[in-house]
Amino acid sequence: MESFSYTYPAAKEVSQRAHTGVVGSGDLEIIIEPGTKKTVEFTVRTASEGFQETWKAVFERFIVHNDINAKITINDFGATPGVVSLRLAQAVEIANQK
C-alpha cells in the first residue's frame, strides 16, 4: 500500500462534500470536501505502487479544467487513469450541485 499527496493553488469554491465510487478491483473511491486554504490537495492511498508520476499527470490535467478549492481523498484499488478522470468528474459534479 502506498500513500502520497499533491497540492496545487486553486480558487473556485465547491458547494458541498461529495463521494463517488467504491474501493474494489479496478475501481476507486473519491471524497471531495470544500477547502479552506485556496488550494486543491489530493491525497492518494493505492494498492498499486510506483505510479506517482501517472497520478501527477492525471491531477495536472484535472486542475486545468477544475480549479477547485478542495481536499480530495482517493482510495484506489488499481483504477486506470481513465477511470480516475471519470470518477473525479463525477465527484466534482456532485460537489457543485445546489
PDB file of N, CA and C in Angstrom:
ATOM      1  N   MET A   1       0.849  -1.175   0.000  1.00  0.00           N
ATOM      2  CA  MET A   1       0.000   0.000   0.000  1.00  0.00           C
ATOM      3  C   MET A   1       0.890   1.231   0.000  1.00  0.00           C
ATOM      4  N   GLU A   2       0.559   2.190  -0.847  1.00  0.00           N
ATOM      5  CA  GLU A   2       1.336   3.417  -0.965  1.00  0.00           C
ATOM      6  C   GLU A   2       0.420   4.616  -0.732  1.00  0.00           C
ATOM      7  N   SER A   3       0.928   5.642  -0.065  1.00  0.00           N
ATOM      8  CA  SER A   3       0.181   6.887   0.172  1.00  0.00           C
ATOM      9  C   SER A   3       1.054   8.068  -0.211  1.00  0.00           C
ATOM     10  N   PHE A   4       0.433   9.085  -0.824  1.00  0.00           N
ATOM     11  CA  PHE A   4       1.148  10.308  -1.177  1.00  0.00           C
ATOM     12  C   PHE A   4       0.145  11.417  -1.413  1.00  0.00           C
ATOM     13  N   SER A   5       0.640  12.661  -1.448  1.00  0.00           N
ATOM     14  CA  SER A   5      -0.222  13.836  -1.631  1.00  0.00           C
ATOM     15  C   SER A   5       0.405  14.802  -2.627  1.00  0.00           C
ATOM     16  N   TYR A   6      -0.455  15.553  -3.294  1.00  0.00           N
ATOM     17  CA  TYR A   6      -0.048  16.649  -4.169  1.00  0.00           C
ATOM     18  C   TYR A   6      -0.949  17.840  -3.849  1.00  0.00           C
ATOM     19  N   THR A   7      -0.384  19.042  -3.859  1.00  0.00           N
ATOM     20  CA  THR A   7      -1.148  20.257  -3.588  1.00  0.00           C
ATOM     21  C   THR A   7      -0.871  21.274  -4.687  1.00  0.00           C
ATOM     22  N   TYR A   8      -1.949  21.933  -5.144  1.00  0.00           N
ATOM     23  CA  TYR A   8      -1.862  22.941  -6.192  1.00  0.00           C
ATOM     24  C   TYR A   8      -2.699  24.156  -5.777  1.00  0.00           C
ATOM     25  N   PRO A   9      -2.365  25.356  -6.259  1.00  0.00           N
ATOM     26  CA  PRO A   9      -3.204  26.527  -5.983  1.00  0.00           C
ATOM     27  C   PRO A   9      -4.579  26.344  -6.626  1.00  0.00           C
ATOM     28  N   ALA A  10      -5.598  26.913  -5.991  1.00  0.00           N
ATOM     29  CA  ALA A  10      -6.961  26.804  -6.526  1.00  0.00           C
ATOM     30  C   ALA A  10      -7.798  27.993  -6.072  1.00  0.00           C
ATOM     31  N   ALA A  11      -8.885  28.253  -6.789  1.00  0.00           N
ATOM     32  CA  ALA A  11      -9.691  29.426  -6.477  1.00  0.00           C
ATOM     33  C   ALA A  11     -11.186  29.151  -6.370  1.00  0.00           C
ATOM     34  N   LYS A  12     -11.736  28.293  -7.210  1.00  0.00           N
ATOM     35  CA  LYS A  12     -13.187  28.093  -7.260  1.00  0.00           C
ATOM     36  C   LYS A  12     -13.679  27.272  -6.070  1.00  0.00           C
ATOM     37  N   GLU A  13     -14.773  27.729  -5.486  1.00  0.00           N
ATOM     38  CA  GLU A  13     -15.364  27.029  -4.347  1.00  0.00           C
ATOM     39  C   GLU A  13     -16.264  25.894  -4.844  1.00  0.00           C
ATOM     40  N   VAL A  14     -16.364  24.835  -4.051  1.00  0.00           N
ATOM     41  CA  VAL A  14     -17.358  23.793  -4.313  1.00  0.00           C
ATOM     42  C   VAL A  14     -18.475  23.954  -3.288  1.00  0.00           C
ATOM     43  N   SER A  15     -19.691  23.557  -3.664  1.00  0.00           N
ATOM     44  CA  SER A  15     -20.863  23.792  -2.828  1.00  0.00           C
ATOM     45  C   SER A  15     -20.969  22.876  -1.623  1.00  0.00           C
ATOM     46  N   GLN A  16     -20.503  21.625  -1.782  1.00  0.00           N
ATOM     47  CA  GLN A  16     -20.728  20.650  -0.715  1.00  0.00           C
ATOM     48  C   GLN A  16     -19.753  19.488  -0.830  1.00  0.00           C
ATOM     49  N   ARG A  17     -19.778  18.638   0.175  1.00  0.00           N
ATOM     50  CA  ARG A  17     -18.984  17.413   0.187  1.00  0.00           C
ATOM     51  C   ARG A  17     -19.562  16.458  -0.855  1.00  0.00           C
ATOM     52  N   ALA A  18     -18.700  15.632  -1.443  1.00  0.00           N
ATOM     53  CA  ALA A  18     -19.163  14.661  -2.441  1.00  0.00           C
ATOM     54  C   ALA A  18     -18.404  13.349  -2.278  1.00  0.00           C
ATOM     55  N   HIS A  19     -19.080  12.267  -2.660  1.00  0.00           N
ATOM     56  CA  HIS A  19     -18.492  10.924  -2.594  1.00  0.00           C
ATOM     57  C   HIS A  19     -18.940  10.165  -3.836  1.00  0.00           C
ATOM     58  N   THR A  20     -17.984   9.490  -4.471  1.00  0.00           N
ATOM     59  CA  THR A  20     -18.327   8.668  -5.630  1.00  0.00           C
ATOM     60  C   THR A  20     -17.408   7.454  -5.689  1.00  0.00           C
ATOM     61  N   GLY A  21     -17.901   6.388  -6.266  1.00  0.00           N
ATOM     62  CA  GLY A  21     -17.124   5.172  -6.458  1.00  0.00           C
ATOM     63  C   GLY A  21     -17.028   4.314  -5.210  1.00  0.00           C
ATOM     64  N   VAL A  22     -16.414   3.162  -5.410  1.00  0.00           N
ATOM     65  CA  VAL A  22     -16.178   2.212  -4.323  1.00  0.00           C
ATOM     66  C   VAL A  22     -14.766   1.664  -4.475  1.00  0.00           C
ATOM     67  N   VAL A  23     -14.181   1.283  -3.357  1.00  0.00           N
ATOM     68  CA  VAL A  23     -12.863   0.668  -3.421  1.00  0.00           C
ATOM     69  C   VAL A  23     -13.079  -0.799  -3.762  1.00  0.00           C
ATOM     70  N   GLY A  24     -12.693  -1.189  -4.954  1.00  0.00           N
ATOM     71  CA  GLY A  24     -12.845  -2.560  -5.400  1.00  0.00           C
ATOM     72  C   GLY A  24     -11.939  -2.790  -6.589  1.00  0.00           C
ATOM     73  N   SER A  25     -11.826  -3.992  -7.010  1.00  0.00           N
ATOM     74  CA  SER A  25     -10.926  -4.366  -8.088  1.00  0.00           C
ATOM     75  C   SER A  25     -11.104  -3.460  -9.303  1.00  0.00           C
ATOM     76  N   GLY A  26     -10.056  -2.746  -9.667  1.00  0.00           N
ATOM     77  CA  GLY A  26     -10.083  -1.886 -10.852  1.00  0.00           C
ATOM     78  C   GLY A  26     -10.866  -0.606 -10.676  1.00  0.00           C
ATOM     79  N   ASP A  27     -11.216  -0.245  -9.455  1.00  0.00           N
ATOM     80  CA  ASP A  27     -12.008   0.958  -9.226  1.00  0.00           C
ATOM     81  C   ASP A  27     -11.408   1.750  -8.070  1.00  0.00           C
ATOM     82  N   LEU A  28     -12.053   2.848  -7.718  1.00  0.00           N
ATOM     83  CA  LEU A  28     -11.596   3.684  -6.634  1.00  0.00           C
ATOM     84  C   LEU A  28     -12.726   4.510  -6.068  1.00  0.00           C
ATOM     85  N   GLU A  29     -12.493   5.040  -4.891  1.00  0.00           N
ATOM     86  CA  GLU A  29     -13.432   5.908  -4.191  1.00  0.00           C
ATOM     87  C   GLU A  29     -12.817   7.298  -4.138  1.00  0.00           C
ATOM     88  N   ILE A  30     -13.653   8.314  -4.383  1.00  0.00           N
ATOM     89  CA  ILE A  30     -13.197   9.700  -4.290  1.00  0.00           C
ATOM     90  C   ILE A  30     -14.120  10.462  -3.354  1.00  0.00           C
ATOM     91  N   ILE A  31     -13.502  11.196  -2.437  1.00  0.00           N
ATOM     92  CA  ILE A  31     -14.235  12.045  -1.500  1.00  0.00           C
ATOM     93  C   ILE A  31     -13.709  13.468  -1.690  1.00  0.00           C
ATOM     94  N   ILE A  32     -14.621  14.405  -1.960  1.00  0.00           N
ATOM     95  CA  ILE A  32     -14.262  15.816  -2.088  1.00  0.00           C
ATOM     96  C   ILE A  32     -14.878  16.561  -0.916  1.00  0.00           C
ATOM     97  N   GLU A  33     -14.056  17.372  -0.262  1.00  0.00           N
ATOM     98  CA  GLU A  33     -14.528  18.228   0.820  1.00  0.00           C
ATOM     99  C   GLU A  33     -14.137  19.659   0.492  1.00  0.00           C
ATOM    100  N   PRO A  34     -15.046  20.613   0.714  1.00  0.00           N
ATOM    101  CA  PRO A  34     -14.696  22.005   0.446  1.00  0.00           C
ATOM    102  C   PRO A  34     -13.422  22.401   1.198  1.00  0.00           C
ATOM    103  N   GLY A  35     -12.569  23.165   0.523  1.00  0.00           N
ATOM    104  CA  GLY A  35     -11.297  23.564   1.109  1.00  0.00           C
ATOM    105  C   GLY A  35     -11.371  24.886   1.838  1.00  0.00           C
ATOM    106  N   THR A  36     -10.317  25.181   2.574  1.00  0.00           N
ATOM    107  CA  THR A  36     -10.225  26.434   3.318  1.00  0.00           C
ATOM    108  C   THR A  36      -8.928  27.172   3.029  1.00  0.00           C
ATOM    109  N   LYS A  37      -8.051  26.588   2.220  1.00  0.00           N
ATOM    110  CA  LYS A  37      -6.706  27.126   2.022  1.00  0.00           C
ATOM    111  C   LYS A  37      -6.450  27.708   0.639  1.00  0.00           C
ATOM    112  N   LYS A  38      -7.457  27.782  -0.227  1.00  0.00           N
ATOM    113  CA  LYS A  38      -7.263  28.227  -1.615  1.00  0.00           C
ATOM    114  C   LYS A  38      -6.283  27.320  -2.355  1.00  0.00           C
ATOM    115  N   THR A  39      -6.394  26.025  -2.055  1.00  0.00           N
ATOM    116  CA  THR A  39      -5.601  25.005  -2.743  1.00  0.00           C
ATOM    117  C   THR A  39      -6.495  23.803  -3.005  1.00  0.00           C
ATOM    118  N   VAL A  40      -6.044  22.968  -3.912  1.00  0.00           N
ATOM    119  CA  VAL A  40      -6.637  21.643  -4.053  1.00  0.00           C
ATOM    120  C   VAL A  40      -5.559  20.665  -3.606  1.00  0.00           C
ATOM    121  N   GLU A  41      -5.925  19.837  -2.636  1.00  0.00           N
ATOM    122  CA  GLU A  41      -4.992  18.854  -2.100  1.00  0.00           C
ATOM    123  C   GLU A  41      -5.514  17.461  -2.427  1.00  0.00           C
ATOM    124  N   PHE A  42      -4.725  16.711  -3.153  1.00  0.00           N
ATOM    125  CA  PHE A  42      -5.043  15.328  -3.490  1.00  0.00           C
ATOM    126  C   PHE A  42      -4.277  14.416  -2.540  1.00  0.00           C
ATOM    127  N   THR A  43      -4.965  13.550  -1.846  1.00  0.00           N
ATOM    128  CA  THR A  43      -4.329  12.531  -1.015  1.00  0.00           C
ATOM    129  C   THR A  43      -4.731  11.181  -1.572  1.00  0.00           C
ATOM    130  N   VAL A  44      -3.743  10.386  -1.941  1.00  0.00           N
ATOM    131  CA  VAL A  44      -3.997   9.094  -2.582  1.00  0.00           C
ATOM    132  C   VAL A  44      -3.504   7.966  -1.685  1.00  0.00           C
ATOM    133  N   ARG A  45      -4.351   6.960  -1.532  1.00  0.00           N
ATOM    134  CA  ARG A  45      -3.969   5.687  -0.917  1.00  0.00           C
ATOM    135  C   ARG A  45      -4.244   4.631  -1.980  1.00  0.00           C
ATOM    136  N   THR A  46      -3.201   3.930  -2.397  1.00  0.00           N
ATOM    137  CA  THR A  46      -3.364   2.996  -3.515  1.00  0.00           C
ATOM    138  C   THR A  46      -2.693   1.656  -3.251  1.00  0.00           C
ATOM    139  N   ALA A  47      -3.287   0.622  -3.794  1.00  0.00           N
ATOM    140  CA  ALA A  47      -2.714  -0.718  -3.717  1.00  0.00           C
ATOM    141  C   ALA A  47      -1.652  -0.925  -4.798  1.00  0.00           C
ATOM    142  N   SER A  48      -1.617  -0.037  -5.789  1.00  0.00           N
ATOM    143  CA  SER A  48      -0.662  -0.143  -6.907  1.00  0.00           C
ATOM    144  C   SER A  48       0.501   0.804  -6.667  1.00  0.00           C
ATOM    145  N   GLU A  49       1.646   0.264  -6.381  1.00  0.00           N
ATOM    146  CA  GLU A  49       2.813   1.083  -6.073  1.00  0.00           C
ATOM    147  C   GLU A  49       3.599   1.450  -7.328  1.00  0.00           C
ATOM    148  N   GLY A  50       4.261   2.620  -7.281  1.00  0.00           N
ATOM    149  CA  GLY A  50       5.163   3.015  -8.349  1.00  0.00           C
ATOM    150  C   GLY A  50       4.540   3.841  -9.456  1.00  0.00           C
ATOM    151  N   PHE A  51       3.345   4.379  -9.248  1.00  0.00           N
ATOM    152  CA  PHE A  51       2.667   5.131 -10.306  1.00  0.00           C
ATOM    153  C   PHE A  51       2.474   6.610  -9.958  1.00  0.00           C
ATOM    154  N   GLN A  52       3.312   7.167  -9.102  1.00  0.00           N
ATOM    155  CA  GLN A  52       3.139   8.566  -8.684  1.00  0.00           C
ATOM    156  C   GLN A  52       3.181   9.545  -9.850  1.00  0.00           C
ATOM    157  N   GLU A  53       4.035   9.321 -10.824  1.00  0.00           N
ATOM    158  CA  GLU A  53       4.108  10.233 -11.973  1.00  0.00           C
ATOM    159  C   GLU A  53       2.827  10.176 -12.811  1.00  0.00           C
ATOM    160  N   THR A  54       2.233   9.010 -12.916  1.00  0.00           N
ATOM    161  CA  THR A  54       0.961   8.876 -13.639  1.00  0.00           C
ATOM    162  C   THR A  54      -0.136   9.630 -12.908  1.00  0.00           C
ATOM    163  N   TRP A  55      -0.210   9.460 -11.587  1.00  0.00           N
ATOM    164  CA  TRP A  55      -1.192  10.192 -10.781  1.00  0.00           C
ATOM    165  C   TRP A  55      -0.992  11.695 -10.957  1.00  0.00           C
ATOM    166  N   LYS A  56       0.244  12.152 -10.886  1.00  0.00           N
ATOM    167  CA  LYS A  56       0.535  13.575 -11.014  1.00  0.00           C
ATOM    168  C   LYS A  56       0.045  14.114 -12.359  1.00  0.00           C
ATOM    169  N   ALA A  57       0.258  13.366 -13.427  1.00  0.00           N
ATOM    170  CA  ALA A  57      -0.206  13.789 -14.756  1.00  0.00           C
ATOM    171  C   ALA A  57      -1.730  13.888 -14.808  1.00  0.00           C
ATOM    172  N   VAL A  58      -2.418  12.928 -14.207  1.00  0.00           N
ATOM    173  CA  VAL A  58      -3.893  12.966 -14.168  1.00  0.00           C
ATOM    174  C   VAL A  58      -4.361  14.204 -13.404  1.00  0.00           C
ATOM    175  N   PHE A  59      -3.749  14.490 -12.263  1.00  0.00           N
ATOM    176  CA  PHE A  59      -4.141  15.645 -11.459  1.00  0.00           C
ATOM    177  C   PHE A  59      -3.862  16.951 -12.180  1.00  0.00           C
ATOM    178  N   GLU A  60      -2.745  17.043 -12.868  1.00  0.00           N
ATOM    179  CA  GLU A  60      -2.422  18.269 -13.585  1.00  0.00           C
ATOM    180  C   GLU A  60      -3.398  18.530 -14.728  1.00  0.00           C
ATOM    181  N   ARG A  61      -3.846  17.475 -15.394  1.00  0.00           N
ATOM    182  CA  ARG A  61      -4.893  17.644 -16.426  1.00  0.00           C
ATOM    183  C   ARG A  61      -6.202  18.066 -15.774  1.00  0.00           C
ATOM    184  N   PHE A  62      -6.525  17.468 -14.638  1.00  0.00           N
ATOM    185  CA  PHE A  62      -7.771  17.769 -13.929  1.00  0.00           C
ATOM    186  C   PHE A  62      -7.839  19.248 -13.531  1.00  0.00           C
ATOM    187  N   ILE A  63      -6.761  19.791 -12.954  1.00  0.00           N
ATOM    188  CA  ILE A  63      -6.833  21.159 -12.440  1.00  0.00           C
ATOM    189  C   ILE A  63      -6.895  22.213 -13.543  1.00  0.00           C
ATOM    190  N   VAL A  64      -6.507  21.859 -14.746  1.00  0.00           N
ATOM    191  CA  VAL A  64      -6.655  22.792 -15.866  1.00  0.00           C
ATOM    192  C   VAL A  64      -8.129  23.146 -16.067  1.00  0.00           C
ATOM    193  N   HIS A  65      -9.008  22.177 -15.867  1.00  0.00           N
ATOM    194  CA  HIS A  65     -10.450  22.370 -16.087  1.00  0.00           C
ATOM    195  C   HIS A  65     -11.240  22.548 -14.792  1.00  0.00           C
ATOM    196  N   ASN A  66     -10.665  22.174 -13.664  1.00  0.00           N
ATOM    197  CA  ASN A  66     -11.388  22.183 -12.390  1.00  0.00           C
ATOM    198  C   ASN A  66     -10.522  22.808 -11.302  1.00  0.00           C
ATOM    199  N   ASP A  67     -10.436  24.097 -11.325  1.00  0.00           N
ATOM    200  CA  ASP A  67      -9.616  24.865 -10.385  1.00  0.00           C
ATOM    201  C   ASP A  67     -10.384  24.986  -9.064  1.00  0.00           C
ATOM    202  N   ILE A  68     -10.583  23.862  -8.373  1.00  0.00           N
ATOM    203  CA  ILE A  68     -11.438  23.877  -7.191  1.00  0.00           C
ATOM    204  C   ILE A  68     -10.639  23.893  -5.889  1.00  0.00           C
ATOM    205  N   ASN A  69     -11.117  24.695  -4.962  1.00  0.00           N
ATOM    206  CA  ASN A  69     -10.559  24.804  -3.626  1.00  0.00           C
ATOM    207  C   ASN A  69     -11.151  23.651  -2.812  1.00  0.00           C
ATOM    208  N   ALA A  70     -10.385  22.544  -2.671  1.00  0.00           N
ATOM    209  CA  ALA A  70     -10.944  21.358  -2.045  1.00  0.00           C
ATOM    210  C   ALA A  70      -9.865  20.421  -1.534  1.00  0.00           C
ATOM    211  N   LYS A  71     -10.290  19.546  -0.654  1.00  0.00           N
ATOM    212  CA  LYS A  71      -9.459  18.425  -0.211  1.00  0.00           C
ATOM    213  C   LYS A  71     -10.047  17.186  -0.880  1.00  0.00           C
ATOM    214  N   ILE A  72      -9.252  16.492  -1.681  1.00  0.00           N
ATOM    215  CA  ILE A  72      -9.733  15.324  -2.421  1.00  0.00           C
ATOM    216  C   ILE A  72      -8.976  14.095  -1.926  1.00  0.00           C
ATOM    217  N   THR A  73      -9.723  13.152  -1.397  1.00  0.00           N
ATOM    218  CA  THR A  73      -9.151  11.905  -0.906  1.00  0.00           C
ATOM    219  C   THR A  73      -9.510  10.799  -1.882  1.00  0.00           C
ATOM    220  N   ILE A  74      -8.501  10.041  -2.290  1.00  0.00           N
ATOM    221  CA  ILE A  74      -8.707   8.957  -3.247  1.00  0.00           C
ATOM    222  C   ILE A  74      -8.203   7.656  -2.631  1.00  0.00           C
ATOM    223  N   ASN A  75      -9.093   6.677  -2.564  1.00  0.00           N
ATOM    224  CA  ASN A  75      -8.750   5.330  -2.116  1.00  0.00           C
ATOM    225  C   ASN A  75      -8.857   4.423  -3.330  1.00  0.00           C
ATOM    226  N   ASP A  76      -7.722   3.929  -3.795  1.00  0.00           N
ATOM    227  CA  ASP A  76      -7.629   3.249  -5.083  1.00  0.00           C
ATOM    228  C   ASP A  76      -7.322   1.759  -4.934  1.00  0.00           C
ATOM    229  N   PHE A  77      -7.914   0.987  -5.845  1.00  0.00           N
ATOM    230  CA  PHE A  77      -7.598  -0.436  -5.919  1.00  0.00           C
ATOM    231  C   PHE A  77      -7.335  -0.819  -7.368  1.00  0.00           C
ATOM    232  N   GLY A  78      -6.382  -0.107  -7.996  1.00  0.00           N
ATOM    233  CA  GLY A  78      -5.951  -0.464  -9.341  1.00  0.00           C
ATOM    234  C   GLY A  78      -6.715   0.182 -10.479  1.00  0.00           C
ATOM    235  N   ALA A  79      -7.309   1.347 -10.255  1.00  0.00           N
ATOM    236  CA  ALA A  79      -8.044   2.022 -11.329  1.00  0.00           C
ATOM    237  C   ALA A  79      -7.094   2.550 -12.393  1.00  0.00           C
ATOM    238  N   THR A  80      -7.549   2.554 -13.630  1.00  0.00           N
ATOM    239  CA  THR A  80      -6.772   3.119 -14.730  1.00  0.00           C
ATOM    240  C   THR A  80      -6.900   4.647 -14.715  1.00  0.00           C
ATOM    241  N   PRO A  81      -6.006   5.370 -15.390  1.00  0.00           N
ATOM    242  CA  PRO A  81      -6.131   6.833 -15.446  1.00  0.00           C
ATOM    243  C   PRO A  81      -7.486   7.298 -15.986  1.00  0.00           C
ATOM    244  N   GLY A  82      -8.047   6.574 -16.940  1.00  0.00           N
ATOM    245  CA  GLY A  82      -9.369   6.935 -17.463  1.00  0.00           C
ATOM    246  C   GLY A  82     -10.455   6.842 -16.411  1.00  0.00           C
ATOM    247  N   VAL A  83     -10.413   5.816 -15.599  1.00  0.00           N
ATOM    248  CA  VAL A  83     -11.392   5.662 -14.519  1.00  0.00           C
ATOM    249  C   VAL A  83     -11.194   6.757 -13.475  1.00  0.00           C
ATOM    250  N   VAL A  84      -9.956   7.081 -13.172  1.00  0.00           N
ATOM    251  CA  VAL A  84      -9.675   8.158 -12.207  1.00  0.00           C
ATOM    252  C   VAL A  84     -10.285   9.462 -12.709  1.00  0.00           C
ATOM    253  N   SER A  85     -10.054   9.793 -13.968  1.00  0.00           N
ATOM    254  CA  SER A  85     -10.601  11.028 -14.542  1.00  0.00           C
ATOM    255  C   SER A  85     -12.122  11.040 -14.515  1.00  0.00           C
ATOM    256  N   LEU A  86     -12.741   9.928 -14.847  1.00  0.00           N
ATOM    257  CA  LEU A  86     -14.202   9.817 -14.820  1.00  0.00           C
ATOM    258  C   LEU A  86     -14.739  10.023 -13.409  1.00  0.00           C
ATOM    259  N   ARG A  87     -14.159   9.353 -12.433  1.00  0.00           N
ATOM    260  CA  ARG A  87     -14.619   9.483 -11.043  1.00  0.00           C
ATOM    261  C   ARG A  87     -14.409  10.902 -10.516  1.00  0.00           C
ATOM    262  N   LEU A  88     -13.283  11.530 -10.878  1.00  0.00           N
ATOM    263  CA  LEU A  88     -13.066  12.918 -10.456  1.00  0.00           C
ATOM    264  C   LEU A  88     -14.152  13.830 -11.037  1.00  0.00           C
ATOM    265  N   ALA A  89     -14.469  13.660 -12.309  1.00  0.00           N
ATOM    266  CA  ALA A  89     -15.521  14.467 -12.941  1.00  0.00           C
ATOM    267  C   ALA A  89     -16.864  14.245 -12.260  1.00  0.00           C
ATOM    268  N   GLN A  90     -17.188  12.997 -11.940  1.00  0.00           N
ATOM    269  CA  GLN A  90     -18.444  12.700 -11.245  1.00  0.00           C
ATOM    270  C   GLN A  90     -18.483  13.373  -9.878  1.00  0.00           C
ATOM    271  N   ALA A  91     -17.390  13.293  -9.140  1.00  0.00           N
ATOM    272  CA  ALA A  91     -17.340  13.879  -7.803  1.00  0.00           C
ATOM    273  C   ALA A  91     -17.484  15.398  -7.854  1.00  0.00           C
ATOM    274  N   VAL A  92     -16.837  16.048  -8.827  1.00  0.00           N
ATOM    275  CA  VAL A  92     -16.961  17.498  -8.961  1.00  0.00           C
ATOM    276  C   VAL A  92     -18.402  17.882  -9.290  1.00  0.00           C
ATOM    277  N   GLU A  93     -19.040  17.130 -10.160  1.00  0.00           N
ATOM    278  CA  GLU A  93     -20.437  17.411 -10.497  1.00  0.00           C
ATOM    279  C   GLU A  93     -21.319  17.330  -9.252  1.00  0.00           C
ATOM    280  N   ILE A  94     -21.126  16.317  -8.439  1.00  0.00           N
ATOM    281  CA  ILE A  94     -21.905  16.167  -7.202  1.00  0.00           C
ATOM    282  C   ILE A  94     -21.594  17.314  -6.235  1.00  0.00           C
ATOM    283  N   ALA A  95     -20.305  17.655  -6.100  1.00  0.00           N
ATOM    284  CA  ALA A  95     -19.908  18.706  -5.156  1.00  0.00           C
ATOM    285  C   ALA A  95     -20.441  20.076  -5.543  1.00  0.00           C
ATOM    286  N   ASN A  96     -20.759  20.274  -6.813  1.00  0.00           N
ATOM    287  CA  ASN A  96     -21.269  21.569  -7.271  1.00  0.00           C
ATOM    288  C   ASN A  96     -22.783  21.631  -7.392  1.00  0.00           C
ATOM    289  N   GLN A  97     -23.486  20.556  -7.045  1.00  0.00           N
ATOM    290  CA  GLN A  97     -24.945  20.584  -7.054  1.00  0.00           C
ATOM    291  C   GLN A  97     -25.437  21.457  -5.908  1.00  0.00           C
ATOM    292  N   LYS A  98     -26.519  22.148  -6.156  1.00  0.00           N
ATOM    293  CA  LYS A  98     -27.072  23.013  -5.094  1.00  0.00           C
ATOM    294  C   LYS A  98     -28.397  22.515  -4.630  1.00  0.00           C
TER     295      LYS A  98
END
